[in-house]
Protein backbone atom coordinates (compact mmCIF):
# COMPACT_ATOMS: atom_id res chain seq x y z
CA MET A 1 1.51 -21.88 18.71
CA THR A 2 4.73 -22.83 16.97
CA GLU A 3 5.61 -26.51 16.81
CA VAL A 4 9.32 -27.22 16.55
CA VAL A 5 10.30 -30.77 15.66
CA PHE A 6 13.85 -32.11 15.75
CA PHE A 7 14.25 -35.24 13.65
CA LYS A 8 17.03 -37.63 14.65
CA ASN A 9 18.78 -40.39 12.79
CA GLY A 10 20.32 -42.34 15.65
CA ASN A 11 21.96 -39.71 17.86
CA ASN A 12 22.27 -37.15 15.07
CA ILE A 13 19.83 -34.32 14.48
CA VAL A 14 19.29 -34.30 10.72
CA LYS A 15 16.23 -32.08 10.26
CA VAL A 16 14.48 -29.25 12.10
CA SER A 17 10.94 -28.18 11.25
CA CYS A 18 9.11 -25.15 12.65
CA SER A 19 5.45 -24.50 11.88
CA GLY A 20 2.84 -22.04 13.03
CA HIS A 21 2.93 -18.59 14.56
CA THR A 22 3.60 -18.34 18.29
CA GLY A 23 0.70 -15.98 18.92
CA TYR A 24 2.44 -14.30 21.84
CA ALA A 25 1.81 -10.80 20.46
CA GLU A 26 0.89 -8.96 17.27
CA TYR A 27 3.13 -9.23 14.22
CA GLY A 28 6.12 -6.98 14.72
CA SER A 29 5.85 -7.12 18.52
CA ASP A 30 6.10 -10.86 19.11
CA ILE A 31 9.29 -11.32 21.15
CA VAL A 32 8.83 -15.10 21.38
CA CYS A 33 8.61 -15.42 17.60
CA SER A 34 11.59 -13.11 17.23
CA ALA A 35 13.70 -15.11 19.68
CA LEU A 36 12.81 -18.42 18.06
CA SER A 37 13.40 -17.09 14.54
CA SER A 38 16.76 -15.65 15.55
CA ILE A 39 18.16 -18.85 17.01
CA VAL A 40 16.91 -20.98 14.11
CA GLN A 41 18.27 -18.57 11.50
CA SER A 42 21.61 -18.26 13.34
CA THR A 43 21.97 -22.03 13.33
CA ALA A 44 21.16 -22.24 9.62
CA LEU A 45 23.69 -19.48 8.93
CA GLY A 46 26.37 -21.34 10.90
CA LEU A 47 25.64 -24.59 9.10
CA ARG A 48 25.83 -22.92 5.68
CA LYS A 49 28.46 -20.23 6.03
CA VAL A 50 30.75 -21.50 8.79
CA ILE A 51 30.66 -25.26 8.22
CA GLY A 52 29.87 -25.06 4.50
CA ILE A 53 26.90 -27.42 4.38
CA LYS A 54 24.40 -27.16 1.52
CA LEU A 55 21.23 -27.25 3.59
CA LYS A 56 17.88 -28.11 2.09
CA VAL A 57 15.66 -25.25 3.27
CA THR A 58 11.97 -24.67 2.71
CA ARG A 59 9.99 -21.77 4.11
CA ASN A 60 6.60 -20.12 3.96
CA ASP A 61 6.56 -16.88 5.93
CA LYS A 62 2.78 -16.42 5.75
CA LYS A 63 2.16 -19.79 7.35
CA GLY A 64 5.12 -19.48 9.69
CA GLU A 65 6.88 -22.55 8.29
CA TYR A 66 10.61 -23.14 8.14
CA CYS A 67 12.41 -26.43 7.64
CA MET A 68 16.09 -27.19 7.30
CA GLU A 69 17.56 -30.59 6.55
CA LEU A 70 21.13 -31.82 6.31
CA PRO A 71 22.23 -33.56 3.12
CA LYS A 72 22.14 -37.35 3.27
CA HIS A 73 25.86 -38.10 3.05
CA LEU A 74 28.12 -35.95 5.22
CA ASP A 75 31.61 -36.98 6.22
CA ALA A 76 32.17 -37.72 9.92
CA ASP A 77 33.90 -34.40 10.70
CA THR A 78 31.20 -32.32 9.01
CA MET A 79 28.47 -34.29 10.78
CA ALA A 80 30.20 -33.79 14.12
CA SER A 81 30.49 -30.04 13.53
CA SER A 82 26.85 -29.81 12.49
CA GLN A 83 25.78 -31.59 15.67
CA VAL A 84 27.45 -28.96 17.85
CA LEU A 85 25.26 -26.28 16.28
CA LEU A 86 22.09 -28.38 16.10
CA SER A 87 22.44 -29.63 19.69
CA THR A 88 22.91 -26.04 20.83
CA LEU A 89 19.76 -25.12 18.90
CA LEU A 90 17.85 -27.94 20.60
CA LEU A 91 18.96 -26.73 24.04
CA SER A 92 18.05 -23.15 23.14
CA VAL A 93 14.60 -24.07 21.85
CA ARG A 94 14.01 -26.28 24.91
CA ASP A 95 14.88 -23.36 27.18
CA LEU A 96 12.60 -21.02 25.24
CA ALA A 97 9.77 -23.59 25.24
CA ASP A 98 10.13 -24.08 29.00
CA GLY A 99 9.57 -20.37 29.54
CA TYR A 100 6.82 -19.99 26.93
CA SER A 101 5.12 -23.39 26.86
CA GLU A 102 1.78 -21.87 25.79
CA PHE A 103 3.42 -20.62 22.60
CA ILE A 104 6.09 -23.19 21.65
CA LYS A 105 5.73 -26.96 21.50
CA LEU A 106 8.96 -28.95 21.17
CA GLU A 107 9.18 -32.54 19.93
CA GLU A 108 11.95 -34.96 19.07
CA ARG A 109 11.18 -37.69 16.58
CA ASP A 110 12.99 -40.42 14.72
CA TYR A 111 13.79 -39.43 11.17
CA VAL A 112 11.86 -41.56 8.70
CA ASN A 113 13.08 -41.13 5.15
């Protein structure tokens, strides 16, 4: 199972952590893992290349871990733009988790620095 945690500071999503393999199918055939990976990576790409945010990213492919975190001090416009992408990611993961609840666990937590 993959656990996806969205960390919020107030109303803003500031960090997203994914850990574990979905286990839906064998490596290379796991459509749930592929879908989840695609939406997370697309969001990270948008944050970095479209908005221009220097994300803090850590990953471990063997363990199925990926974490992205916004920098601490973003101006209001950049934060607002980031929230469009991150809120869309949250909705997308929620939709995926609803359809594949045995394989994806979604949580929202307060960000504790």
